[in-house]
C-alpha cells in the first residue's frame, strides 16, 4: 500500500494542523485545494495563497482544482439556498468538494484521500465522513479535531501569518 494521501484543503489554517499529523504518520501528502463553494474569486485566491504558503513551508505538494462557483451553485446550492448550516446543502457541498479530490487522487494514482474539514469545531465530523465515503473509493476517516487539532491550527496559522477567514466560504454561510 502506498503511503501517499491527497488532503482536501478547505483553507491554510485548517490544513496547518493536518499536514504535520499526516507527515508524522509517514504519509506523502498532496494538498488539494478544491473549493468552488467560495463565493468570490477574490476570496478563493486569498485562501489559495494561504494554503500554498503552508504547503511551501511544510514541504508538501500543492495542487488546485479549477474554481467554478457557477457549477457549484448548480450542483449543490440550487433548491437548497434556505438550508441552515449543517443541513442538506452542507452535506451536498462536502460531497461535491470531496468528489473533486477523489477524482484528482484516482487520476494521479493516489490511493487515499481525506479532508481538513474535520479540524473545525464548526463541522460535524460524522457528516463529513459520510460525504467522504459517498465521494469515492479510498476515503480515510481522520478526525483532525482530536488531540488538540483545532488549537494547533489556530497557533500555527498565527505563527505562519496565514489568512484566517470568518465563514466557511459560500454566500449562504456569512456570519452576521
N, C-alpha and C. Protein backbone atom coordinates (compact mmCIF):
# COMPACT_ATOMS: atom_id res chain seq x y z
N UNK A 1 0.84 -1.18 0.00
CA UNK A 1 0.00 0.00 0.00
C UNK A 1 0.89 1.25 0.00
N UNK A 2 0.53 2.20 -0.81
CA UNK A 2 1.25 3.45 -0.88
C UNK A 2 0.98 4.28 0.36
N UNK A 3 1.96 5.07 0.75
CA UNK A 3 1.76 5.97 1.89
C UNK A 3 1.27 7.33 1.44
N UNK A 4 0.99 7.47 0.14
CA UNK A 4 0.53 8.75 -0.39
C UNK A 4 -0.93 8.98 -0.01
N UNK A 5 -1.24 10.25 0.28
CA UNK A 5 -2.61 10.63 0.58
C UNK A 5 -2.87 12.02 0.03
N UNK A 6 -4.04 12.20 -0.55
CA UNK A 6 -4.48 13.52 -1.01
C UNK A 6 -5.30 14.13 0.11
N UNK A 7 -4.91 15.31 0.53
CA UNK A 7 -5.61 16.02 1.60
C UNK A 7 -6.42 17.14 1.00
N UNK A 8 -7.75 17.00 1.04
CA UNK A 8 -8.60 18.12 0.65
C UNK A 8 -8.35 19.24 1.65
N UNK A 9 -8.04 20.41 1.13
CA UNK A 9 -7.71 21.55 1.96
C UNK A 9 -8.79 22.60 1.81
N UNK A 10 -9.53 22.85 2.89
CA UNK A 10 -10.54 23.89 2.85
C UNK A 10 -9.90 25.27 2.98
N UNK A 11 -8.79 25.32 3.73
CA UNK A 11 -8.05 26.58 3.91
C UNK A 11 -6.70 26.27 4.54
N UNK A 12 -5.79 27.22 4.47
CA UNK A 12 -4.47 27.04 5.07
C UNK A 12 -4.51 26.82 6.57
N UNK A 13 -5.26 27.64 7.32
CA UNK A 13 -5.29 27.45 8.76
C UNK A 13 -5.73 26.05 9.19
N UNK A 14 -6.79 25.53 8.62
CA UNK A 14 -7.24 24.18 8.99
C UNK A 14 -6.19 23.14 8.61
N UNK A 15 -5.64 23.26 7.42
CA UNK A 15 -4.64 22.30 6.97
C UNK A 15 -3.37 22.36 7.80
N UNK A 16 -3.12 23.50 8.45
CA UNK A 16 -1.89 23.65 9.21
C UNK A 16 -1.78 22.66 10.38
N UNK A 17 -2.91 22.12 10.82
CA UNK A 17 -2.89 21.09 11.85
C UNK A 17 -2.86 19.68 11.26
N UNK A 18 -3.33 19.56 10.03
CA UNK A 18 -3.47 18.24 9.40
C UNK A 18 -2.17 17.75 8.77
N UNK A 19 -1.48 18.63 8.06
CA UNK A 19 -0.28 18.23 7.35
C UNK A 19 0.78 17.65 8.30
N UNK A 20 1.10 18.31 9.41
CA UNK A 20 2.12 17.73 10.30
C UNK A 20 1.71 16.36 10.85
N UNK A 21 0.44 16.18 11.13
CA UNK A 21 -0.03 14.88 11.64
C UNK A 21 0.15 13.79 10.59
N UNK A 22 -0.23 14.08 9.35
CA UNK A 22 -0.09 13.09 8.29
C UNK A 22 1.38 12.78 8.01
N UNK A 23 2.21 13.81 7.99
CA UNK A 23 3.65 13.61 7.75
C UNK A 23 4.25 12.79 8.89
N UNK A 24 3.85 13.08 10.13
CA UNK A 24 4.36 12.32 11.28
C UNK A 24 3.94 10.85 11.21
N UNK A 25 2.81 10.60 10.53
CA UNK A 25 2.35 9.22 10.34
C UNK A 25 3.02 8.55 9.14
N UNK A 26 4.00 9.23 8.54
CA UNK A 26 4.73 8.65 7.42
C UNK A 26 4.04 8.79 6.08
N UNK A 27 3.11 9.72 5.98
CA UNK A 27 2.36 9.90 4.73
C UNK A 27 3.03 10.90 3.81
N UNK A 28 2.95 10.63 2.52
CA UNK A 28 3.39 11.57 1.49
C UNK A 28 2.15 12.38 1.11
N UNK A 29 2.11 13.62 1.52
CA UNK A 29 0.91 14.45 1.42
C UNK A 29 0.91 15.30 0.15
N UNK A 30 -0.23 15.26 -0.54
CA UNK A 30 -0.50 16.24 -1.59
C UNK A 30 -1.72 17.03 -1.13
N UNK A 31 -1.51 18.31 -0.87
CA UNK A 31 -2.63 19.18 -0.53
C UNK A 31 -3.39 19.51 -1.80
N UNK A 32 -4.72 19.30 -1.78
CA UNK A 32 -5.55 19.58 -2.95
C UNK A 32 -6.57 20.63 -2.56
N UNK A 33 -6.42 21.80 -3.14
CA UNK A 33 -7.31 22.92 -2.86
C UNK A 33 -8.47 22.84 -3.85
N UNK A 34 -9.61 22.35 -3.38
CA UNK A 34 -10.80 22.16 -4.21
C UNK A 34 -11.96 22.85 -3.50
N UNK A 35 -12.22 24.11 -3.88
CA UNK A 35 -13.15 24.93 -3.11
C UNK A 35 -13.99 25.86 -3.97
N UNK A 36 -14.72 25.29 -4.90
CA UNK A 36 -15.60 26.10 -5.74
C UNK A 36 -16.79 26.64 -4.97
N UNK A 37 -16.94 26.22 -3.72
CA UNK A 37 -18.00 26.75 -2.87
C UNK A 37 -17.74 28.21 -2.47
N UNK A 38 -16.51 28.65 -2.56
CA UNK A 38 -16.16 30.00 -2.10
C UNK A 38 -16.85 31.04 -2.98
N UNK A 39 -17.46 32.02 -2.32
CA UNK A 39 -18.39 32.91 -3.00
C UNK A 39 -17.79 33.88 -4.01
N UNK A 40 -16.52 34.24 -3.88
CA UNK A 40 -15.92 35.15 -4.86
C UNK A 40 -14.54 34.65 -5.26
N UNK A 41 -14.13 35.04 -6.45
CA UNK A 41 -12.80 34.66 -6.93
C UNK A 41 -11.73 35.29 -6.05
N UNK A 42 -11.98 36.49 -5.52
CA UNK A 42 -11.00 37.15 -4.66
C UNK A 42 -10.79 36.36 -3.36
N UNK A 43 -11.89 35.91 -2.77
CA UNK A 43 -11.79 35.12 -1.53
C UNK A 43 -11.11 33.78 -1.82
N UNK A 44 -11.47 33.17 -2.95
CA UNK A 44 -10.82 31.92 -3.35
C UNK A 44 -9.31 32.12 -3.42
N UNK A 45 -8.89 33.22 -4.03
CA UNK A 45 -7.46 33.48 -4.20
C UNK A 45 -6.77 33.72 -2.86
N UNK A 46 -7.40 34.43 -1.96
CA UNK A 46 -6.80 34.67 -0.63
C UNK A 46 -6.57 33.34 0.09
N UNK A 47 -7.57 32.46 0.03
CA UNK A 47 -7.45 31.17 0.71
C UNK A 47 -6.45 30.26 0.00
N UNK A 48 -6.45 30.31 -1.34
CA UNK A 48 -5.49 29.51 -2.10
C UNK A 48 -4.07 29.93 -1.76
N UNK A 49 -3.83 31.23 -1.70
CA UNK A 49 -2.49 31.73 -1.40
C UNK A 49 -2.03 31.29 -0.01
N UNK A 50 -2.92 31.32 0.96
CA UNK A 50 -2.56 30.88 2.32
C UNK A 50 -2.24 29.39 2.33
N UNK A 51 -3.04 28.60 1.61
CA UNK A 51 -2.79 27.16 1.55
C UNK A 51 -1.48 26.86 0.84
N UNK A 52 -1.21 27.59 -0.24
CA UNK A 52 0.05 27.40 -0.97
C UNK A 52 1.25 27.76 -0.10
N UNK A 53 1.13 28.82 0.69
CA UNK A 53 2.22 29.21 1.59
C UNK A 53 2.47 28.12 2.63
N UNK A 54 1.42 27.52 3.13
CA UNK A 54 1.57 26.42 4.09
C UNK A 54 2.27 25.23 3.43
N UNK A 55 1.84 24.87 2.22
CA UNK A 55 2.46 23.74 1.52
C UNK A 55 3.95 23.98 1.32
N UNK A 56 4.30 25.20 0.93
CA UNK A 56 5.71 25.52 0.74
C UNK A 56 6.45 25.42 2.06
N UNK A 57 5.91 25.98 3.11
CA UNK A 57 6.55 25.94 4.43
C UNK A 57 6.75 24.51 4.91
N UNK A 58 5.72 23.67 4.73
CA UNK A 58 5.77 22.29 5.23
C UNK A 58 6.41 21.31 4.24
N UNK A 59 6.75 21.78 3.05
CA UNK A 59 7.45 20.95 2.08
C UNK A 59 6.63 19.83 1.48
N UNK A 60 5.34 20.12 1.22
CA UNK A 60 4.47 19.11 0.60
C UNK A 60 3.94 19.63 -0.73
N UNK A 61 3.48 18.71 -1.55
CA UNK A 61 2.94 19.07 -2.85
C UNK A 61 1.62 19.82 -2.69
N UNK A 62 1.33 20.69 -3.65
CA UNK A 62 0.11 21.50 -3.62
C UNK A 62 -0.49 21.56 -5.01
N UNK A 63 -1.76 21.24 -5.09
CA UNK A 63 -2.49 21.27 -6.36
C UNK A 63 -3.79 22.03 -6.18
N UNK A 64 -4.27 22.62 -7.25
CA UNK A 64 -5.52 23.39 -7.22
C UNK A 64 -6.49 22.83 -8.24
N UNK A 65 -7.69 22.52 -7.80
CA UNK A 65 -8.77 22.15 -8.72
C UNK A 65 -9.37 23.48 -9.20
N UNK A 66 -9.53 23.65 -10.51
CA UNK A 66 -10.01 24.94 -11.02
C UNK A 66 -11.31 25.40 -10.35
N UNK A 67 -11.37 26.68 -10.09
CA UNK A 67 -12.50 27.33 -9.43
C UNK A 67 -13.66 27.45 -10.41
N UNK A 68 -14.84 26.97 -9.99
CA UNK A 68 -16.05 27.08 -10.82
C UNK A 68 -17.26 27.22 -9.90
N UNK A 69 -17.45 28.45 -9.41
CA UNK A 69 -18.54 28.69 -8.46
C UNK A 69 -19.91 28.50 -9.13
N UNK A 70 -20.02 28.84 -10.40
CA UNK A 70 -21.29 28.66 -11.11
C UNK A 70 -21.69 27.19 -11.12
N UNK A 71 -20.72 26.29 -11.39
CA UNK A 71 -21.01 24.86 -11.35
C UNK A 71 -21.42 24.43 -9.94
N UNK A 72 -20.71 24.92 -8.93
CA UNK A 72 -21.03 24.59 -7.54
C UNK A 72 -22.46 25.00 -7.21
N UNK A 73 -22.83 26.22 -7.61
CA UNK A 73 -24.19 26.68 -7.35
C UNK A 73 -25.21 25.73 -8.00
N UNK A 74 -24.99 25.36 -9.26
CA UNK A 74 -25.91 24.47 -9.97
C UNK A 74 -25.99 23.10 -9.31
N UNK A 75 -24.84 22.52 -8.99
CA UNK A 75 -24.81 21.14 -8.49
C UNK A 75 -25.09 21.01 -7.01
N UNK A 76 -24.88 22.06 -6.25
CA UNK A 76 -25.00 21.96 -4.80
C UNK A 76 -26.13 22.82 -4.23
N UNK A 77 -26.17 24.09 -4.60
CA UNK A 77 -27.00 25.04 -3.86
C UNK A 77 -28.41 25.24 -4.40
N UNK A 78 -28.61 25.11 -5.70
CA UNK A 78 -29.94 25.38 -6.25
C UNK A 78 -30.97 24.48 -5.58
N UNK A 79 -31.97 25.14 -5.00
CA UNK A 79 -33.02 24.44 -4.29
C UNK A 79 -32.72 24.21 -2.82
N UNK A 80 -31.48 24.53 -2.42
CA UNK A 80 -31.06 24.32 -1.03
C UNK A 80 -30.58 25.63 -0.39
N UNK A 81 -30.91 26.74 -1.01
CA UNK A 81 -30.42 28.03 -0.54
C UNK A 81 -30.86 28.34 0.89
N UNK A 82 -32.04 27.91 1.28
CA UNK A 82 -32.57 28.22 2.59
C UNK A 82 -32.18 27.26 3.69
N UNK A 83 -31.39 26.27 3.35
CA UNK A 83 -30.98 25.28 4.35
C UNK A 83 -30.11 25.93 5.43
N UNK A 84 -30.27 25.47 6.66
CA UNK A 84 -29.41 26.00 7.73
C UNK A 84 -28.00 25.40 7.63
N UNK A 85 -27.06 26.03 8.33
CA UNK A 85 -25.72 25.45 8.44
C UNK A 85 -25.86 24.05 9.02
N UNK A 86 -25.05 23.11 8.57
CA UNK A 86 -25.06 21.70 8.97
C UNK A 86 -26.21 20.94 8.33
N UNK A 87 -26.94 21.55 7.41
CA UNK A 87 -28.07 20.91 6.77
C UNK A 87 -27.69 20.24 5.46
N UNK A 88 -28.70 20.00 4.64
CA UNK A 88 -28.52 19.25 3.39
C UNK A 88 -27.58 19.96 2.42
N UNK A 89 -27.61 21.29 2.38
CA UNK A 89 -26.70 21.99 1.46
C UNK A 89 -25.25 21.72 1.84
N UNK A 90 -24.94 21.74 3.13
CA UNK A 90 -23.58 21.47 3.59
C UNK A 90 -23.16 20.04 3.22
N UNK A 91 -24.05 19.09 3.42
CA UNK A 91 -23.74 17.70 3.05
C UNK A 91 -23.43 17.61 1.56
N UNK A 92 -24.24 18.28 0.74
CA UNK A 92 -24.03 18.27 -0.70
C UNK A 92 -22.70 18.94 -1.06
N UNK A 93 -22.38 20.01 -0.35
CA UNK A 93 -21.12 20.74 -0.59
C UNK A 93 -19.92 19.85 -0.26
N UNK A 94 -19.97 19.19 0.89
CA UNK A 94 -18.87 18.30 1.27
C UNK A 94 -18.67 17.23 0.20
N UNK A 95 -19.77 16.61 -0.25
CA UNK A 95 -19.67 15.56 -1.28
C UNK A 95 -19.07 16.12 -2.56
N UNK A 96 -19.52 17.30 -2.97
CA UNK A 96 -19.01 17.92 -4.20
C UNK A 96 -17.50 18.11 -4.13
N UNK A 97 -17.02 18.77 -3.08
CA UNK A 97 -15.59 19.06 -2.98
C UNK A 97 -14.77 17.78 -2.81
N UNK A 98 -15.27 16.87 -2.00
CA UNK A 98 -14.53 15.62 -1.78
C UNK A 98 -14.54 14.74 -3.02
N UNK A 99 -15.59 14.81 -3.82
CA UNK A 99 -15.60 14.08 -5.11
C UNK A 99 -14.50 14.61 -6.03
N UNK A 100 -14.33 15.93 -6.04
CA UNK A 100 -13.26 16.52 -6.85
C UNK A 100 -11.88 16.01 -6.41
N UNK A 101 -11.69 15.88 -5.10
CA UNK A 101 -10.42 15.39 -4.58
C UNK A 101 -10.27 13.90 -4.86
N UNK A 102 -11.35 13.14 -4.73
CA UNK A 102 -11.30 11.70 -5.05
C UNK A 102 -10.93 11.50 -6.52
N UNK A 103 -11.49 12.31 -7.40
CA UNK A 103 -11.16 12.23 -8.83
C UNK A 103 -9.70 12.59 -9.06
N UNK A 104 -9.22 13.63 -8.39
CA UNK A 104 -7.81 14.00 -8.51
C UNK A 104 -6.92 12.85 -8.05
N UNK A 105 -7.23 12.30 -6.88
CA UNK A 105 -6.42 11.21 -6.33
C UNK A 105 -6.38 10.03 -7.29
N UNK A 106 -7.53 9.63 -7.80
CA UNK A 106 -7.59 8.50 -8.72
C UNK A 106 -6.78 8.77 -10.00
N UNK A 107 -6.89 9.98 -10.51
CA UNK A 107 -6.18 10.34 -11.75
C UNK A 107 -4.67 10.38 -11.55
N UNK A 108 -4.21 10.54 -10.31
CA UNK A 108 -2.78 10.66 -10.02
C UNK A 108 -2.22 9.46 -9.26
N UNK A 109 -3.00 8.38 -9.23
CA UNK A 109 -2.52 7.15 -8.60
C UNK A 109 -2.36 7.23 -7.09
N UNK A 110 -3.11 8.12 -6.46
CA UNK A 110 -3.07 8.25 -5.00
C UNK A 110 -4.25 7.46 -4.45
N UNK A 111 -3.96 6.45 -3.65
CA UNK A 111 -4.99 5.51 -3.22
C UNK A 111 -5.93 6.00 -2.14
N UNK A 112 -5.53 7.04 -1.40
CA UNK A 112 -6.38 7.52 -0.31
C UNK A 112 -6.53 9.03 -0.37
N UNK A 113 -7.64 9.49 0.19
CA UNK A 113 -7.85 10.92 0.35
C UNK A 113 -8.58 11.16 1.66
N UNK A 114 -8.41 12.36 2.18
CA UNK A 114 -9.07 12.77 3.41
C UNK A 114 -9.29 14.28 3.32
N UNK A 115 -9.72 14.89 4.42
CA UNK A 115 -10.04 16.32 4.37
C UNK A 115 -9.68 17.04 5.65
N UNK A 116 -9.31 18.30 5.50
CA UNK A 116 -9.02 19.15 6.65
C UNK A 116 -10.29 19.67 7.30
N UNK A 117 -11.43 19.45 6.69
CA UNK A 117 -12.70 19.96 7.26
C UNK A 117 -12.93 19.50 8.69
N UNK A 118 -12.43 18.32 9.04
CA UNK A 118 -12.73 17.79 10.37
C UNK A 118 -11.95 18.46 11.49
N UNK A 119 -11.04 19.37 11.18
CA UNK A 119 -10.33 20.07 12.25
C UNK A 119 -11.22 21.15 12.86
N UNK A 120 -12.19 21.62 12.13
CA UNK A 120 -13.03 22.72 12.58
C UNK A 120 -14.10 22.28 13.57
N UNK A 121 -14.24 23.02 14.67
CA UNK A 121 -15.35 22.72 15.59
C UNK A 121 -16.70 23.09 15.00
N UNK A 122 -16.71 23.78 13.86
CA UNK A 122 -17.95 24.18 13.20
C UNK A 122 -18.47 23.12 12.22
N UNK A 123 -17.71 22.05 12.04
CA UNK A 123 -18.10 20.96 11.14
C UNK A 123 -18.32 19.69 11.95
N UNK A 124 -19.37 18.95 11.58
CA UNK A 124 -19.70 17.70 12.25
C UNK A 124 -18.93 16.59 11.53
N UNK A 125 -17.98 15.98 12.21
CA UNK A 125 -17.10 15.00 11.57
C UNK A 125 -17.86 13.85 10.96
N UNK A 126 -18.89 13.35 11.63
CA UNK A 126 -19.65 12.22 11.07
C UNK A 126 -20.32 12.60 9.76
N UNK A 127 -20.75 13.84 9.64
CA UNK A 127 -21.35 14.32 8.39
C UNK A 127 -20.30 14.39 7.29
N UNK A 128 -19.11 14.86 7.64
CA UNK A 128 -18.01 14.94 6.68
C UNK A 128 -17.59 13.53 6.26
N UNK A 129 -17.50 12.61 7.21
CA UNK A 129 -17.11 11.23 6.89
C UNK A 129 -18.11 10.59 5.92
N UNK A 130 -19.40 10.77 6.16
CA UNK A 130 -20.42 10.19 5.27
C UNK A 130 -20.25 10.75 3.85
N UNK A 131 -20.02 12.05 3.75
CA UNK A 131 -19.81 12.67 2.43
C UNK A 131 -18.55 12.13 1.77
N UNK A 132 -17.50 11.93 2.55
CA UNK A 132 -16.25 11.40 2.01
C UNK A 132 -16.42 10.01 1.43
N UNK A 133 -17.15 9.16 2.14
CA UNK A 133 -17.38 7.81 1.63
C UNK A 133 -18.26 7.82 0.38
N UNK A 134 -19.22 8.75 0.33
CA UNK A 134 -20.06 8.89 -0.85
C UNK A 134 -19.28 9.43 -2.05
N UNK A 135 -18.23 10.20 -1.77
CA UNK A 135 -17.48 10.89 -2.82
C UNK A 135 -16.62 9.97 -3.67
N UNK A 136 -16.15 8.86 -3.09
CA UNK A 136 -15.30 7.98 -3.87
C UNK A 136 -14.57 6.97 -3.03
N UNK A 137 -13.93 6.05 -3.71
CA UNK A 137 -13.16 4.99 -3.05
C UNK A 137 -11.90 5.57 -2.41
N UNK A 138 -11.54 5.02 -1.27
CA UNK A 138 -10.28 5.38 -0.65
C UNK A 138 -10.36 6.50 0.37
N UNK A 139 -11.56 6.85 0.81
CA UNK A 139 -11.66 7.92 1.80
C UNK A 139 -11.17 7.43 3.16
N UNK A 140 -10.27 8.19 3.76
CA UNK A 140 -9.73 7.86 5.08
C UNK A 140 -10.38 8.76 6.12
N UNK A 141 -11.07 8.15 7.06
CA UNK A 141 -11.72 8.89 8.15
C UNK A 141 -10.66 9.30 9.17
N UNK A 142 -10.35 10.57 9.19
CA UNK A 142 -9.41 11.10 10.17
C UNK A 142 -10.07 12.32 10.80
N UNK A 143 -10.29 12.26 12.10
CA UNK A 143 -10.88 13.39 12.81
C UNK A 143 -9.74 14.25 13.35
N UNK A 144 -9.41 15.29 12.62
CA UNK A 144 -8.28 16.13 12.98
C UNK A 144 -8.55 17.02 14.19
N UNK A 145 -9.82 17.08 14.67
CA UNK A 145 -10.11 17.81 15.90
C UNK A 145 -9.45 17.13 17.10
N UNK A 146 -9.36 15.81 17.04
CA UNK A 146 -8.81 15.05 18.16
C UNK A 146 -7.36 15.42 18.42
N UNK A 147 -6.97 15.32 19.68
CA UNK A 147 -5.59 15.61 20.05
C UNK A 147 -5.23 17.09 19.95
N UNK A 148 -6.22 17.96 20.10
CA UNK A 148 -5.95 19.39 20.08
C UNK A 148 -5.73 19.97 18.70
N UNK A 149 -6.29 19.33 17.67
CA UNK A 149 -6.07 19.77 16.30
C UNK A 149 -6.50 21.20 16.02
N UNK A 150 -7.68 21.58 16.52
CA UNK A 150 -8.14 22.94 16.24
C UNK A 150 -7.22 23.96 16.88
N UNK A 151 -6.85 23.74 18.13
CA UNK A 151 -5.95 24.68 18.81
C UNK A 151 -4.61 24.77 18.08
N UNK A 152 -4.09 23.64 17.61
CA UNK A 152 -2.85 23.65 16.85
C UNK A 152 -3.03 24.49 15.58
N UNK A 153 -4.18 24.37 14.92
CA UNK A 153 -4.41 25.14 13.70
C UNK A 153 -4.41 26.64 14.00
N UNK A 154 -4.98 27.03 15.11
CA UNK A 154 -5.00 28.44 15.49
C UNK A 154 -3.57 28.92 15.75
N UNK A 155 -2.81 28.14 16.50
CA UNK A 155 -1.43 28.52 16.82
C UNK A 155 -0.55 28.60 15.59
N UNK A 156 -0.62 27.56 14.74
CA UNK A 156 0.25 27.54 13.55
C UNK A 156 -0.14 28.62 12.55
N UNK A 157 -1.45 28.88 12.39
CA UNK A 157 -1.84 29.90 11.42
C UNK A 157 -1.37 31.28 11.89
N UNK A 158 -1.36 31.52 13.20
CA UNK A 158 -0.81 32.79 13.71
C UNK A 158 0.70 32.83 13.48
N UNK A 159 1.37 31.74 13.83
CA UNK A 159 2.83 31.66 13.68
C UNK A 159 3.25 31.88 12.23
N UNK A 160 2.49 31.32 11.29
CA UNK A 160 2.83 31.42 9.87
C UNK A 160 2.17 32.61 9.18
N UNK A 161 1.41 33.38 9.96
CA UNK A 161 0.71 34.56 9.44
C UNK A 161 -0.21 34.21 8.26
N UNK A 162 -0.99 33.13 8.42
CA UNK A 162 -1.90 32.69 7.37
C UNK A 162 -3.23 33.43 7.48
N UNK A 163 -3.77 33.79 6.36
CA UNK A 163 -5.10 34.42 6.32
C UNK A 163 -6.11 33.46 6.94
N UNK A 164 -6.86 33.95 7.94
CA UNK A 164 -7.86 33.15 8.64
C UNK A 164 -9.22 33.80 8.44
N UNK A 165 -10.09 33.13 7.70
CA UNK A 165 -11.39 33.67 7.36
C UNK A 165 -12.40 33.46 8.50
N UNK A 166 -13.56 34.14 8.37
CA UNK A 166 -14.57 34.07 9.43
C UNK A 166 -15.86 33.36 8.99
N UNK A 167 -15.83 32.73 7.82
CA UNK A 167 -17.00 31.98 7.34
C UNK A 167 -16.52 30.85 6.45
N UNK A 168 -17.38 29.84 6.23
CA UNK A 168 -16.92 28.64 5.53
C UNK A 168 -16.55 28.92 4.07
N UNK A 169 -17.21 29.88 3.47
CA UNK A 169 -16.85 30.21 2.10
C UNK A 169 -18.02 30.56 1.20
N UNK A 170 -19.12 29.88 1.35
CA UNK A 170 -20.24 30.15 0.45
C UNK A 170 -21.03 31.36 0.93
N UNK A 171 -21.76 31.93 0.01
CA UNK A 171 -22.54 33.13 0.32
C UNK A 171 -23.66 32.88 1.33
N UNK A 172 -24.00 31.62 1.53
CA UNK A 172 -25.09 31.28 2.44
C UNK A 172 -24.59 31.18 3.89
N UNK A 173 -23.31 31.20 4.08
CA UNK A 173 -22.75 30.95 5.42
C UNK A 173 -22.17 32.18 6.11
N UNK A 174 -22.30 33.35 5.50
CA UNK A 174 -21.74 34.54 6.13
C UNK A 174 -22.31 34.71 7.52
N UNK A 175 -21.41 34.88 8.47
CA UNK A 175 -21.84 35.08 9.86
C UNK A 175 -22.25 36.53 10.03
N UNK A 176 -23.35 36.70 10.69
CA UNK A 176 -23.88 38.06 10.91
C UNK A 176 -23.24 38.67 12.13
